[in-house]
PDB file of N, CA and C in Angstrom:
ATOM      1  N   MET A   1       0.843  -1.182   0.000  1.00  0.00           N
ATOM      2  CA  MET A   1       0.000   0.000   0.000  1.00  0.00           C
ATOM      3  C   MET A   1       0.890   1.248   0.000  1.00  0.00           C
ATOM      4  N   ALA A   2       0.581   2.188  -0.858  1.00  0.00           N
ATOM      5  CA  ALA A   2       1.380   3.416  -0.978  1.00  0.00           C
ATOM      6  C   ALA A   2       1.137   4.335   0.212  1.00  0.00           C
ATOM      7  N   HIS A   3       2.194   5.000   0.624  1.00  0.00           N
ATOM      8  CA  HIS A   3       2.085   5.993   1.688  1.00  0.00           C
ATOM      9  C   HIS A   3       1.633   7.317   1.066  1.00  0.00           C
ATOM     10  N   HIS A   4       0.607   7.939   1.663  1.00  0.00           N
ATOM     11  CA  HIS A   4       0.097   9.216   1.163  1.00  0.00           C
ATOM     12  C   HIS A   4       0.552  10.343   2.081  1.00  0.00           C
ATOM     13  N   THR A   5       1.056  11.391   1.488  1.00  0.00           N
ATOM     14  CA  THR A   5       1.444  12.584   2.220  1.00  0.00           C
ATOM     15  C   THR A   5       0.345  13.619   2.073  1.00  0.00           C
ATOM     16  N   ASN A   6      -0.153  14.130   3.186  1.00  0.00           N
ATOM     17  CA  ASN A   6      -1.152  15.199   3.130  1.00  0.00           C
ATOM     18  C   ASN A   6      -0.488  16.469   2.620  1.00  0.00           C
ATOM     19  N   ILE A   7      -1.047  17.032   1.571  1.00  0.00           N
ATOM     20  CA  ILE A   7      -0.534  18.274   0.998  1.00  0.00           C
ATOM     21  C   ILE A   7      -1.477  19.403   1.414  1.00  0.00           C
ATOM     22  N   GLU A   8      -0.970  20.289   2.245  1.00  0.00           N
ATOM     23  CA  GLU A   8      -1.792  21.368   2.797  1.00  0.00           C
ATOM     24  C   GLU A   8      -1.876  22.578   1.879  1.00  0.00           C
ATOM     25  N   HIS A   9      -0.881  22.797   1.023  1.00  0.00           N
ATOM     26  CA  HIS A   9      -0.846  24.000   0.204  1.00  0.00           C
ATOM     27  C   HIS A   9      -0.698  23.641  -1.274  1.00  0.00           C
ATOM     28  N   PHE A  10      -1.459  24.316  -2.085  1.00  0.00           N
ATOM     29  CA  PHE A  10      -1.450  24.075  -3.523  1.00  0.00           C
ATOM     30  C   PHE A  10      -0.036  24.145  -4.093  1.00  0.00           C
ATOM     31  N   ASN A  11       0.741  25.123  -3.669  1.00  0.00           N
ATOM     32  CA  ASN A  11       2.101  25.294  -4.201  1.00  0.00           C
ATOM     33  C   ASN A  11       3.055  24.168  -3.812  1.00  0.00           C
ATOM     34  N   ASP A  12       2.656  23.323  -2.848  1.00  0.00           N
ATOM     35  CA  ASP A  12       3.485  22.191  -2.446  1.00  0.00           C
ATOM     36  C   ASP A  12       3.204  20.935  -3.270  1.00  0.00           C
ATOM     37  N   LEU A  13       2.198  20.973  -4.123  1.00  0.00           N
ATOM     38  CA  LEU A  13       1.887  19.835  -4.988  1.00  0.00           C
ATOM     39  C   LEU A  13       2.958  19.678  -6.064  1.00  0.00           C
ATOM     40  N   SER A  14       3.115  18.464  -6.548  1.00  0.00           N
ATOM     41  CA  SER A  14       3.984  18.252  -7.703  1.00  0.00           C
ATOM     42  C   SER A  14       3.362  18.974  -8.895  1.00  0.00           C
ATOM     43  N   GLU A  15       4.168  19.307  -9.878  1.00  0.00           N
ATOM     44  CA  GLU A  15       3.648  19.999 -11.070  1.00  0.00           C
ATOM     45  C   GLU A  15       2.579  19.166 -11.773  1.00  0.00           C
ATOM     46  N   ILE A  16       2.765  17.852 -11.818  1.00  0.00           N
ATOM     47  CA  ILE A  16       1.774  16.971 -12.450  1.00  0.00           C
ATOM     48  C   ILE A  16       0.433  17.070 -11.729  1.00  0.00           C
ATOM     49  N   ASN A  17       0.447  17.028 -10.397  1.00  0.00           N
ATOM     50  CA  ASN A  17      -0.796  17.102  -9.632  1.00  0.00           C
ATOM     51  C   ASN A  17      -1.419  18.490  -9.670  1.00  0.00           C
ATOM     52  N   LYS A  18      -0.593  19.539  -9.695  1.00  0.00           N
ATOM     53  CA  LYS A  18      -1.133  20.899  -9.844  1.00  0.00           C
ATOM     54  C   LYS A  18      -1.919  21.004 -11.147  1.00  0.00           C
ATOM     55  N   THR A  19      -1.292  20.575 -12.230  1.00  0.00           N
ATOM     56  CA  THR A  19      -1.931  20.653 -13.542  1.00  0.00           C
ATOM     57  C   THR A  19      -3.204  19.826 -13.575  1.00  0.00           C
ATOM     58  N   ALA A  20      -3.148  18.616 -13.037  1.00  0.00           N
ATOM     59  CA  ALA A  20      -4.321  17.738 -13.033  1.00  0.00           C
ATOM     60  C   ALA A  20      -5.454  18.309 -12.192  1.00  0.00           C
ATOM     61  N   LEU A  21      -5.122  18.904 -11.044  1.00  0.00           N
ATOM     62  CA  LEU A  21      -6.146  19.482 -10.175  1.00  0.00           C
ATOM     63  C   LEU A  21      -6.810  20.682 -10.838  1.00  0.00           C
ATOM     64  N   LEU A  22      -6.018  21.558 -11.433  1.00  0.00           N
ATOM     65  CA  LEU A  22      -6.596  22.714 -12.132  1.00  0.00           C
ATOM     66  C   LEU A  22      -7.435  22.271 -13.329  1.00  0.00           C
ATOM     67  N   GLN A  23      -7.040  21.204 -13.995  1.00  0.00           N
ATOM     68  CA  GLN A  23      -7.826  20.670 -15.115  1.00  0.00           C
ATOM     69  C   GLN A  23      -9.145  20.083 -14.615  1.00  0.00           C
ATOM     70  N   TYR A  24      -9.113  19.370 -13.502  1.00  0.00           N
ATOM     71  CA  TYR A  24     -10.323  18.823 -12.872  1.00  0.00           C
ATOM     72  C   TYR A  24     -11.301  19.953 -12.549  1.00  0.00           C
ATOM     73  N   ILE A  25     -10.784  21.031 -11.961  1.00  0.00           N
ATOM     74  CA  ILE A  25     -11.626  22.180 -11.618  1.00  0.00           C
ATOM     75  C   ILE A  25     -12.204  22.794 -12.888  1.00  0.00           C
ATOM     76  N   SER A  26     -11.382  22.995 -13.899  1.00  0.00           N
ATOM     77  CA  SER A  26     -11.823  23.588 -15.164  1.00  0.00           C
ATOM     78  C   SER A  26     -12.866  22.720 -15.866  1.00  0.00           C
ATOM     79  N   ASP A  27     -12.687  21.413 -15.832  1.00  0.00           N
ATOM     80  CA  ASP A  27     -13.605  20.493 -16.513  1.00  0.00           C
ATOM     81  C   ASP A  27     -14.967  20.394 -15.836  1.00  0.00           C
ATOM     82  N   ASN A  28     -15.010  20.581 -14.525  1.00  0.00           N
ATOM     83  CA  ASN A  28     -16.231  20.311 -13.773  1.00  0.00           C
ATOM     84  C   ASN A  28     -16.965  21.531 -13.232  1.00  0.00           C
ATOM     85  N   PHE A  29     -16.273  22.649 -13.084  1.00  0.00           N
ATOM     86  CA  PHE A  29     -16.855  23.809 -12.404  1.00  0.00           C
ATOM     87  C   PHE A  29     -16.646  25.084 -13.202  1.00  0.00           C
ATOM     88  N   SER A  30     -17.562  26.026 -13.029  1.00  0.00           N
ATOM     89  CA  SER A  30     -17.362  27.355 -13.596  1.00  0.00           C
ATOM     90  C   SER A  30     -17.739  28.395 -12.543  1.00  0.00           C
ATOM     91  N   VAL A  31     -17.178  29.589 -12.724  1.00  0.00           N
ATOM     92  CA  VAL A  31     -17.421  30.692 -11.801  1.00  0.00           C
ATOM     93  C   VAL A  31     -18.822  31.243 -12.045  1.00  0.00           C
ATOM     94  N   GLN A  32     -19.549  31.467 -10.982  1.00  0.00           N
ATOM     95  CA  GLN A  32     -20.833  32.162 -11.061  1.00  0.00           C
ATOM     96  C   GLN A  32     -20.769  33.373 -10.139  1.00  0.00           C
ATOM     97  N   LYS A  33     -21.723  34.264 -10.284  1.00  0.00           N
ATOM     98  CA  LYS A  33     -21.698  35.522  -9.530  1.00  0.00           C
ATOM     99  C   LYS A  33     -21.846  35.295  -8.022  1.00  0.00           C
ATOM    100  N   ASN A  34     -22.793  34.462  -7.635  1.00  0.00           N
ATOM    101  CA  ASN A  34     -23.111  34.281  -6.214  1.00  0.00           C
ATOM    102  C   ASN A  34     -22.450  33.046  -5.624  1.00  0.00           C
ATOM    103  N   ILE A  35     -22.237  33.083  -4.319  1.00  0.00           N
ATOM    104  CA  ILE A  35     -21.700  31.933  -3.591  1.00  0.00           C
ATOM    105  C   ILE A  35     -22.757  30.829  -3.576  1.00  0.00           C
ATOM    106  N   ASN A  36     -22.354  29.631  -3.932  1.00  0.00           N
ATOM    107  CA  ASN A  36     -23.237  28.461  -3.929  1.00  0.00           C
ATOM    108  C   ASN A  36     -23.176  27.865  -2.522  1.00  0.00           C
ATOM    109  N   ARG A  37     -24.278  27.944  -1.797  1.00  0.00           N
ATOM    110  CA  ARG A  37     -24.302  27.480  -0.413  1.00  0.00           C
ATOM    111  C   ARG A  37     -24.994  26.128  -0.252  1.00  0.00           C
ATOM    112  N   SER A  38     -25.096  25.381  -1.328  1.00  0.00           N
ATOM    113  CA  SER A  38     -25.662  24.037  -1.188  1.00  0.00           C
ATOM    114  C   SER A  38     -24.647  23.182  -0.432  1.00  0.00           C
ATOM    115  N   GLY A  39     -25.119  22.196   0.267  1.00  0.00           N
ATOM    116  CA  GLY A  39     -24.233  21.327   1.034  1.00  0.00           C
ATOM    117  C   GLY A  39     -23.198  20.636   0.175  1.00  0.00           C
ATOM    118  N   PHE A  40     -23.513  20.435  -1.099  1.00  0.00           N
ATOM    119  CA  PHE A  40     -22.581  19.769  -2.011  1.00  0.00           C
ATOM    120  C   PHE A  40     -21.410  20.672  -2.377  1.00  0.00           C
ATOM    121  N   ALA A  41     -21.588  21.978  -2.333  1.00  0.00           N
ATOM    122  CA  ALA A  41     -20.605  22.913  -2.886  1.00  0.00           C
ATOM    123  C   ALA A  41     -19.498  23.300  -1.905  1.00  0.00           C
ATOM    124  N   THR A  42     -19.197  22.457  -0.947  1.00  0.00           N
ATOM    125  CA  THR A  42     -18.067  22.725  -0.056  1.00  0.00           C
ATOM    126  C   THR A  42     -16.791  22.142  -0.655  1.00  0.00           C
ATOM    127  N   CYS A  43     -15.652  22.646  -0.202  1.00  0.00           N
ATOM    128  CA  CYS A  43     -14.378  22.139  -0.712  1.00  0.00           C
ATOM    129  C   CYS A  43     -14.272  20.636  -0.485  1.00  0.00           C
ATOM    130  N   TYR A  44     -14.705  20.162   0.655  1.00  0.00           N
ATOM    131  CA  TYR A  44     -14.611  18.736   0.960  1.00  0.00           C
ATOM    132  C   TYR A  44     -15.373  17.906  -0.076  1.00  0.00           C
ATOM    133  N   ASN A  45     -16.593  18.289  -0.384  1.00  0.00           N
ATOM    134  CA  ASN A  45     -17.400  17.532  -1.338  1.00  0.00           C
ATOM    135  C   ASN A  45     -16.916  17.685  -2.776  1.00  0.00           C
ATOM    136  N   LEU A  46     -16.533  18.882  -3.160  1.00  0.00           N
ATOM    137  CA  LEU A  46     -16.121  19.111  -4.547  1.00  0.00           C
ATOM    138  C   LEU A  46     -14.847  18.350  -4.911  1.00  0.00           C
ATOM    139  N   LYS A  47     -13.992  18.099  -3.949  1.00  0.00           N
ATOM    140  CA  LYS A  47     -12.716  17.438  -4.239  1.00  0.00           C
ATOM    141  C   LYS A  47     -12.807  15.915  -4.214  1.00  0.00           C
ATOM    142  N   GLN A  48     -13.914  15.354  -3.788  1.00  0.00           N
ATOM    143  CA  GLN A  48     -13.980  13.914  -3.546  1.00  0.00           C
ATOM    144  C   GLN A  48     -13.705  13.041  -4.765  1.00  0.00           C
ATOM    145  N   GLN A  49     -14.079  13.461  -5.950  1.00  0.00           N
ATOM    146  CA  GLN A  49     -13.874  12.630  -7.131  1.00  0.00           C
ATOM    147  C   GLN A  49     -12.526  12.853  -7.811  1.00  0.00           C
ATOM    148  N   PHE A  50     -11.744  13.804  -7.326  1.00  0.00           N
ATOM    149  CA  PHE A  50     -10.432  14.045  -7.910  1.00  0.00           C
ATOM    150  C   PHE A  50      -9.477  12.923  -7.536  1.00  0.00           C
ATOM    151  N   ARG A  51      -8.777  12.410  -8.527  1.00  0.00           N
ATOM    152  CA  ARG A  51      -7.745  11.399  -8.303  1.00  0.00           C
ATOM    153  C   ARG A  51      -6.420  11.948  -8.826  1.00  0.00           C
ATOM    154  N   ALA A  52      -5.493  12.159  -7.918  1.00  0.00           N
ATOM    155  CA  ALA A  52      -4.194  12.708  -8.285  1.00  0.00           C
ATOM    156  C   ALA A  52      -3.389  11.679  -9.074  1.00  0.00           C
ATOM    157  N   PRO A  53      -2.780  12.103 -10.195  1.00  0.00           N
ATOM    158  CA  PRO A  53      -1.952  11.175 -10.978  1.00  0.00           C
ATOM    159  C   PRO A  53      -0.810  10.577 -10.149  1.00  0.00           C
ATOM    160  N   GLU A  54      -0.187  11.412  -9.343  1.00  0.00           N
ATOM    161  CA  GLU A  54       0.838  10.917  -8.413  1.00  0.00           C
ATOM    162  C   GLU A  54       0.114  10.650  -7.097  1.00  0.00           C
ATOM    163  N   ASN A  55      -0.343   9.420  -6.941  1.00  0.00           N
ATOM    164  CA  ASN A  55      -1.255   9.138  -5.833  1.00  0.00           C
ATOM    165  C   ASN A  55      -0.574   9.027  -4.471  1.00  0.00           C
ATOM    166  N   THR A  56       0.650   9.472  -4.367  1.00  0.00           N
ATOM    167  CA  THR A  56       1.290   9.535  -3.050  1.00  0.00           C
ATOM    168  C   THR A  56       0.968  10.859  -2.355  1.00  0.00           C
ATOM    169  N   GLN A  57       0.302  11.774  -3.073  1.00  0.00           N
ATOM    170  CA  GLN A  57      -0.059  13.066  -2.493  1.00  0.00           C
ATOM    171  C   GLN A  57      -1.571  13.118  -2.261  1.00  0.00           C
ATOM    172  N   HIS A  58      -1.961  13.332  -1.010  1.00  0.00           N
ATOM    173  CA  HIS A  58      -3.374  13.489  -0.667  1.00  0.00           C
ATOM    174  C   HIS A  58      -3.718  14.978  -0.648  1.00  0.00           C
ATOM    175  N   ILE A  59      -4.710  15.372  -1.425  1.00  0.00           N
ATOM    176  CA  ILE A  59      -5.137  16.774  -1.511  1.00  0.00           C
ATOM    177  C   ILE A  59      -6.057  17.069  -0.334  1.00  0.00           C
ATOM    178  N   THR A  60      -5.615  17.916   0.579  1.00  0.00           N
ATOM    179  CA  THR A  60      -6.461  18.294   1.709  1.00  0.00           C
ATOM    180  C   THR A  60      -7.481  19.347   1.266  1.00  0.00           C
ATOM    181  N   SER A  61      -8.472  19.582   2.108  1.00  0.00           N
ATOM    182  CA  SER A  61      -9.476  20.616   1.802  1.00  0.00           C
ATOM    183  C   SER A  61      -8.823  21.986   1.681  1.00  0.00           C
ATOM    184  N   LYS A  62      -7.826  22.256   2.514  1.00  0.00           N
ATOM    185  CA  LYS A  62      -7.127  23.545   2.444  1.00  0.00           C
ATOM    186  C   LYS A  62      -6.417  23.687   1.100  1.00  0.00           C
ATOM    187  N   CYS A  63      -5.754  22.635   0.660  1.00  0.00           N
ATOM    188  CA  CYS A  63      -5.056  22.646  -0.627  1.00  0.00           C
ATOM    189  C   CYS A  63      -6.058  22.838  -1.764  1.00  0.00           C
ATOM    190  N   PHE A  64      -7.201  22.139  -1.696  1.00  0.00           N
ATOM    191  CA  PHE A  64      -8.215  22.268  -2.732  1.00  0.00           C
ATOM    192  C   PHE A  64      -8.781  23.688  -2.770  1.00  0.00           C
ATOM    193  N   THR A  65      -8.998  24.271  -1.609  1.00  0.00           N
ATOM    194  CA  THR A  65      -9.485  25.656  -1.545  1.00  0.00           C
ATOM    195  C   THR A  65      -8.490  26.600  -2.221  1.00  0.00           C
ATOM    196  N   GLU A  66      -7.209  26.429  -1.958  1.00  0.00           N
ATOM    197  CA  GLU A  66      -6.191  27.264  -2.600  1.00  0.00           C
ATOM    198  C   GLU A  66      -6.197  27.069  -4.116  1.00  0.00           C
ATOM    199  N   ALA A  67      -6.427  25.836  -4.572  1.00  0.00           N
ATOM    200  CA  ALA A  67      -6.502  25.575  -6.014  1.00  0.00           C
ATOM    201  C   ALA A  67      -7.715  26.270  -6.626  1.00  0.00           C
ATOM    202  N   MET A  68      -8.850  26.243  -5.927  1.00  0.00           N
ATOM    203  CA  MET A  68     -10.057  26.919  -6.421  1.00  0.00           C
ATOM    204  C   MET A  68      -9.805  28.425  -6.535  1.00  0.00           C
ATOM    205  N   ILE A  69      -9.142  29.016  -5.562  1.00  0.00           N
ATOM    206  CA  ILE A  69      -8.812  30.439  -5.598  1.00  0.00           C
ATOM    207  C   ILE A  69      -7.851  30.712  -6.756  1.00  0.00           C
ATOM    208  N   GLU A  70      -6.874  29.846  -6.940  1.00  0.00           N
ATOM    209  CA  GLU A  70      -5.940  29.968  -8.062  1.00  0.00           C
ATOM    210  C   GLU A  70      -6.684  29.933  -9.400  1.00  0.00           C
ATOM    211  N   ALA A  71      -7.768  29.150  -9.445  1.00  0.00           N
ATOM    212  CA  ALA A  71      -8.562  29.015 -10.673  1.00  0.00           C
ATOM    213  C   ALA A  71      -9.564  30.159 -10.858  1.00  0.00           C
ATOM    214  N   GLY A  72      -9.594  31.114  -9.909  1.00  0.00           N
ATOM    215  CA  GLY A  72     -10.434  32.289 -10.075  1.00  0.00           C
ATOM    216  C   GLY A  72     -11.721  32.311  -9.272  1.00  0.00           C
ATOM    217  N   PHE A  73     -11.900  31.356  -8.368  1.00  0.00           N
ATOM    218  CA  PHE A  73     -13.103  31.313  -7.535  1.00  0.00           C
ATOM    219  C   PHE A  73     -12.893  32.106  -6.254  1.00  0.00           C
ATOM    220  N   LYS A  74     -13.996  32.536  -5.656  1.00  0.00           N
ATOM    221  CA  LYS A  74     -13.966  33.180  -4.342  1.00  0.00           C
ATOM    222  C   LYS A  74     -14.383  32.138  -3.311  1.00  0.00           C
ATOM    223  N   ALA A  75     -13.772  32.188  -2.134  1.00  0.00           N
ATOM    224  CA  ALA A  75     -14.066  31.235  -1.063  1.00  0.00           C
ATOM    225  C   ALA A  75     -14.660  31.971   0.133  1.00  0.00           C
ATOM    226  N   VAL A  76     -15.694  31.364   0.739  1.00  0.00           N
ATOM    227  CA  VAL A  76     -16.328  31.901   1.936  1.00  0.00           C
ATOM    228  C   VAL A  76     -16.379  30.772   2.966  1.00  0.00           C
ATOM    229  N   VAL A  77     -15.966  31.050   4.196  1.00  0.00           N
ATOM    230  CA  VAL A  77     -15.969  30.045   5.255  1.00  0.00           C
ATOM    231  C   VAL A  77     -17.408  29.627   5.567  1.00  0.00           C
ATOM    232  N   VAL A  78     -17.637  28.317   5.659  1.00  0.00           N
ATOM    233  CA  VAL A  78     -18.964  27.775   5.955  1.00  0.00           C
ATOM    234  C   VAL A  78     -19.368  28.096   7.388  1.00  0.00           C
ATOM    235  N   ASP A  79     -18.487  27.797   8.344  1.00  0.00           N
ATOM    236  CA  ASP A  79     -18.790  27.969   9.763  1.00  0.00           C
ATOM    237  C   ASP A  79     -17.598  28.650  10.436  1.00  0.00           C
ATOM    238  N   PRO A  80     -17.712  29.959  10.720  1.00  0.00           N
ATOM    239  CA  PRO A  80     -16.583  30.700  11.300  1.00  0.00           C
ATOM    240  C   PRO A  80     -16.115  30.183  12.655  1.00  0.00           C
ATOM    241  N   SER A  81     -16.928  29.372  13.347  1.00  0.00           N
ATOM    242  CA  SER A  81     -16.512  28.852  14.650  1.00  0.00           C
ATOM    243  C   SER A  81     -15.535  27.681  14.523  1.00  0.00           C
ATOM    244  N   LYS A  82     -15.382  27.138  13.329  1.00  0.00           N
ATOM    245  CA  LYS A  82     -14.467  26.016  13.104  1.00  0.00           C
ATOM    246  C   LYS A  82     -13.050  26.544  12.882  1.00  0.00           C
ATOM    247  N   THR A  83     -12.071  25.730  13.256  1.00  0.00           N
ATOM    248  CA  THR A  83     -10.678  26.118  13.069  1.00  0.00           C
ATOM    249  C   THR A  83      -9.875  24.944  12.516  1.00  0.00           C
ATOM    250  N   GLY A  84      -8.681  25.237  12.055  1.00  0.00           N
ATOM    251  CA  GLY A  84      -7.755  24.201  11.603  1.00  0.00           C
ATOM    252  C   GLY A  84      -8.313  23.344  10.487  1.00  0.00           C
ATOM    253  N   ASP A  85      -8.187  22.021  10.648  1.00  0.00           N
ATOM    254  CA  ASP A  85      -8.632  21.075   9.629  1.00  0.00           C
ATOM    255  C   ASP A  85     -10.151  21.017   9.484  1.00  0.00           C
ATOM    256  N   GLN A  86     -10.886  21.609  10.412  1.00  0.00           N
ATOM    257  CA  GLN A  86     -12.348  21.581  10.357  1.00  0.00           C
ATOM    258  C   GLN A  86     -12.927  22.695   9.496  1.00  0.00           C
ATOM    259  N   VAL A  87     -12.103  23.646   9.049  1.00  0.00           N
ATOM    260  CA  VAL A  87     -12.590  24.771   8.247  1.00  0.00           C
ATOM    261  C   VAL A  87     -12.988  24.267   6.860  1.00  0.00           C
ATOM    262  N   ARG A  88     -14.194  24.600   6.446  1.00  0.00           N
ATOM    263  CA  ARG A  88     -14.695  24.270   5.111  1.00  0.00           C
ATOM    264  C   ARG A  88     -15.133  25.565   4.436  1.00  0.00           C
ATOM    265  N   HIS A  89     -15.112  25.564   3.109  1.00  0.00           N
ATOM    266  CA  HIS A  89     -15.470  26.758   2.346  1.00  0.00           C
ATOM    267  C   HIS A  89     -16.564  26.459   1.329  1.00  0.00           C
ATOM    268  N   TYR A  90     -17.380  27.472   1.071  1.00  0.00           N
ATOM    269  CA  TYR A  90     -18.272  27.499  -0.084  1.00  0.00           C
ATOM    270  C   TYR A  90     -17.571  28.349  -1.143  1.00  0.00           C
ATOM    271  N   PHE A  91     -17.982  28.176  -2.403  1.00  0.00           N
ATOM    272  CA  PHE A  91     -17.390  28.930  -3.505  1.00  0.00           C
ATOM    273  C   PHE A  91     -18.477  29.506  -4.397  1.00  0.00           C
ATOM    274  N   ASN A  92     -18.107  30.471  -5.202  1.00  0.00           N
ATOM    275  CA  ASN A  92     -19.012  30.978  -6.230  1.00  0.00           C
ATOM    276  C   ASN A  92     -18.896  30.025  -7.423  1.00  0.00           C
ATOM    277  N   VAL A  93     -19.386  28.811  -7.209  1.00  0.00           N
ATOM    278  CA  VAL A  93     -19.176  27.723  -8.154  1.00  0.00           C
ATOM    279  C   VAL A  93     -20.496  27.223  -8.733  1.00  0.00           C
ATOM    280  N   TYR A  94     -20.449  26.966 -10.020  1.00  0.00           N
ATOM    281  CA  TYR A  94     -21.528  26.272 -10.706  1.00  0.00           C
ATOM    282  C   TYR A  94     -20.942  24.929 -11.123  1.00  0.00           C
ATOM    283  N   VAL A  95     -21.605  23.846 -10.721  1.00  0.00           N
ATOM    284  CA  VAL A  95     -21.153  22.522 -11.103  1.00  0.00           C
ATOM    285  C   VAL A  95     -21.694  22.245 -12.497  1.00  0.00           C
ATOM    286  N   ARG A  96     -20.794  22.204 -13.483  1.00  0.00           N
ATOM    287  CA  ARG A  96     -21.192  22.068 -14.883  1.00  0.00           C
ATOM    288  C   ARG A  96     -21.896  20.767 -15.188  1.00  0.00           C
ATOM    289  N   LYS A  97     -21.414  19.732 -14.615  1.00  0.00           N
ATOM    290  CA  LYS A  97     -22.032  18.432 -14.809  1.00  0.00           C
ATOM    291  C   LYS A  97     -21.909  17.687 -13.501  1.00  0.00           C
ATOM    292  N   ARG A  98     -22.848  16.846 -13.247  1.00  0.00           N
ATOM    293  CA  ARG A  98     -22.807  16.108 -12.001  1.00  0.00           C
ATOM    294  C   ARG A  98     -21.584  15.202 -12.010  1.00  0.00           C
ATOM    295  N   ILE A  99     -20.806  15.274 -10.975  1.00  0.00           N
ATOM    296  CA  ILE A  99     -19.611  14.449 -10.860  1.00  0.00           C
ATOM    297  C   ILE A  99     -20.074  13.037 -10.504  1.00  0.00           C
ATOM    298  N   ARG A 100     -19.556  12.078 -11.225  1.00  0.00           N
ATOM    299  CA  ARG A 100     -19.974  10.701 -11.040  1.00  0.00           C
ATOM    300  C   ARG A 100     -19.943  10.316  -9.563  1.00  0.00           C
ATOM    301  N   GLY A 101     -21.036   9.706  -9.107  1.00  0.00           N
ATOM    302  CA  GLY A 101     -21.102   9.225  -7.729  1.00  0.00           C
ATOM    303  C   GLY A 101     -21.567  10.275  -6.743  1.00  0.00           C
ATOM    304  N   GLN A 102     -21.771  11.499  -7.164  1.00  0.00           N
ATOM    305  CA  GLN A 102     -22.204  12.562  -6.255  1.00  0.00           C
ATOM    306  C   GLN A 102     -23.630  12.992  -6.587  1.00  0.00           C
ATOM    307  N   HIS A 103     -24.367  13.360  -5.581  1.00  0.00           N
ATOM    308  CA  HIS A 103     -25.738  13.840  -5.762  1.00  0.00           C
ATOM    309  C   HIS A 103     -25.857  15.214  -5.119  1.00  0.00           C
ATOM    310  N   LEU A 104     -26.466  16.132  -5.834  1.00  0.00           N
ATOM    311  CA  LEU A 104     -26.686  17.465  -5.266  1.00  0.00           C
ATOM    312  C   LEU A 104     -27.837  17.394  -4.272  1.00  0.00           C
ATOM    313  N   HIS A 105     -27.621  17.892  -3.089  1.00  0.00           N
ATOM    314  CA  HIS A 105     -28.687  18.000  -2.105  1.00  0.00           C
ATOM    315  C   HIS A 105     -28.309  19.062  -1.103  1.00  0.00           C
ATOM    316  N   LYS A 106     -29.307  19.608  -0.484  1.00  0.00           N
ATOM    317  CA  LYS A 106     -29.052  20.613   0.553  1.00  0.00           C
ATOM    318  C   LYS A 106     -28.924  19.901   1.888  1.00  0.00           C
ATOM    319  N   GLN A 107     -28.011  20.403   2.713  1.00  0.00           N
ATOM    320  CA  GLN A 107     -27.845  19.840   4.053  1.00  0.00           C
ATOM    321  C   GLN A 107     -28.496  20.739   5.052  1.00  0.00           C
TER     322      GLN A 107
END
Protein backbone atom coordinates (compact mmCIF):
# COMPACT_ATOMS: atom_id res chain seq x y z
CA MET A 1 0.00 0.00 0.00
CA ALA A 2 1.38 3.42 -0.98
CA HIS A 3 2.09 5.99 1.69
CA HIS A 4 0.10 9.22 1.16
CA THR A 5 1.44 12.58 2.22
CA ASN A 6 -1.15 15.20 3.13
CA ILE A 7 -0.53 18.27 1.00
CA GLU A 8 -1.79 21.37 2.80
CA HIS A 9 -0.85 24.00 0.20
CA PHE A 10 -1.45 24.07 -3.52
CA ASN A 11 2.10 25.29 -4.20
CA ASP A 12 3.49 22.19 -2.45
CA LEU A 13 1.89 19.83 -4.99
CA SER A 14 3.98 18.25 -7.70
CA GLU A 15 3.65 20.00 -11.07
CA ILE A 16 1.77 16.97 -12.45
CA ASN A 17 -0.80 17.10 -9.63
CA LYS A 18 -1.13 20.90 -9.84
CA THR A 19 -1.93 20.65 -13.54
CA ALA A 20 -4.32 17.74 -13.03
CA LEU A 21 -6.15 19.48 -10.17
CA LEU A 22 -6.60 22.71 -12.13
CA GLN A 23 -7.83 20.67 -15.12
CA TYR A 24 -10.32 18.82 -12.87
CA ILE A 25 -11.63 22.18 -11.62
CA SER A 26 -11.82 23.59 -15.16
CA ASP A 27 -13.60 20.49 -16.51
CA ASN A 28 -16.23 20.31 -13.77
CA PHE A 29 -16.85 23.81 -12.40
CA SER A 30 -17.36 27.36 -13.60
CA VAL A 31 -17.42 30.69 -11.80
CA GLN A 32 -20.83 32.16 -11.06
CA LYS A 33 -21.70 35.52 -9.53
CA ASN A 34 -23.11 34.28 -6.21
CA ILE A 35 -21.70 31.93 -3.59
CA ASN A 36 -23.24 28.46 -3.93
CA ARG A 37 -24.30 27.48 -0.41
CA SER A 38 -25.66 24.04 -1.19
CA GLY A 39 -24.23 21.33 1.03
CA PHE A 40 -22.58 19.77 -2.01
CA ALA A 41 -20.60 22.91 -2.89
CA THR A 42 -18.07 22.73 -0.06
CA CYS A 43 -14.38 22.14 -0.71
CA TYR A 44 -14.61 18.74 0.96
CA ASN A 45 -17.40 17.53 -1.34
CA LEU A 46 -16.12 19.11 -4.55
CA LYS A 47 -12.72 17.44 -4.24
CA GLN A 48 -13.98 13.91 -3.55
CA GLN A 49 -13.87 12.63 -7.13
CA PHE A 50 -10.43 14.04 -7.91
CA ARG A 51 -7.74 11.40 -8.30
CA ALA A 52 -4.19 12.71 -8.29
CA PRO A 53 -1.95 11.18 -10.98
CA GLU A 54 0.84 10.92 -8.41
CA ASN A 55 -1.25 9.14 -5.83
CA THR A 56 1.29 9.54 -3.05
CA GLN A 57 -0.06 13.07 -2.49
CA HIS A 58 -3.37 13.49 -0.67
CA ILE A 59 -5.14 16.77 -1.51
CA THR A 60 -6.46 18.29 1.71
CA SER A 61 -9.48 20.62 1.80
CA LYS A 62 -7.13 23.54 2.44
CA CYS A 63 -5.06 22.65 -0.63
CA PHE A 64 -8.22 22.27 -2.73
CA THR A 65 -9.48 25.66 -1.54
CA GLU A 66 -6.19 27.26 -2.60
CA ALA A 67 -6.50 25.57 -6.01
CA MET A 68 -10.06 26.92 -6.42
CA ILE A 69 -8.81 30.44 -5.60
CA GLU A 70 -5.94 29.97 -8.06
CA ALA A 71 -8.56 29.02 -10.67
CA GLY A 72 -10.43 32.29 -10.08
CA PHE A 73 -13.10 31.31 -7.53
CA LYS A 74 -13.97 33.18 -4.34
CA ALA A 75 -14.07 31.23 -1.06
CA VAL A 76 -16.33 31.90 1.94
CA VAL A 77 -15.97 30.04 5.26
CA VAL A 78 -18.96 27.77 5.96
CA ASP A 79 -18.79 27.97 9.76
CA PRO A 80 -16.58 30.70 11.30
CA SER A 81 -16.51 28.85 14.65
CA LYS A 82 -14.47 26.02 13.10
CA THR A 83 -10.68 26.12 13.07
CA GLY A 84 -7.75 24.20 11.60
CA ASP A 85 -8.63 21.08 9.63
CA GLN A 86 -12.35 21.58 10.36
CA VAL A 87 -12.59 24.77 8.25
CA ARG A 88 -14.70 24.27 5.11
CA HIS A 89 -15.47 26.76 2.35
CA TYR A 90 -18.27 27.50 -0.08
CA PHE A 91 -17.39 28.93 -3.51
CA ASN A 92 -19.01 30.98 -6.23
CA VAL A 93 -19.18 27.72 -8.15
CA TYR A 94 -21.53 26.27 -10.71
CA VAL A 95 -21.15 22.52 -11.10
CA ARG A 96 -21.19 22.07 -14.88
CA LYS A 97 -22.03 18.43 -14.81
CA ARG A 98 -22.81 16.11 -12.00
CA ILE A 99 -19.61 14.45 -10.86
CA ARG A 100 -19.97 10.70 -11.04
CA GLY A 101 -21.10 9.23 -7.73
CA GLN A 102 -22.20 12.56 -6.26
CA HIS A 103 -25.74 13.84 -5.76
CA LEU A 104 -26.69 17.47 -5.27
CA HIS A 105 -28.69 18.00 -2.11
CA LYS A 106 -29.05 20.61 0.55
CA GLN A 107 -27.85 19.84 4.05
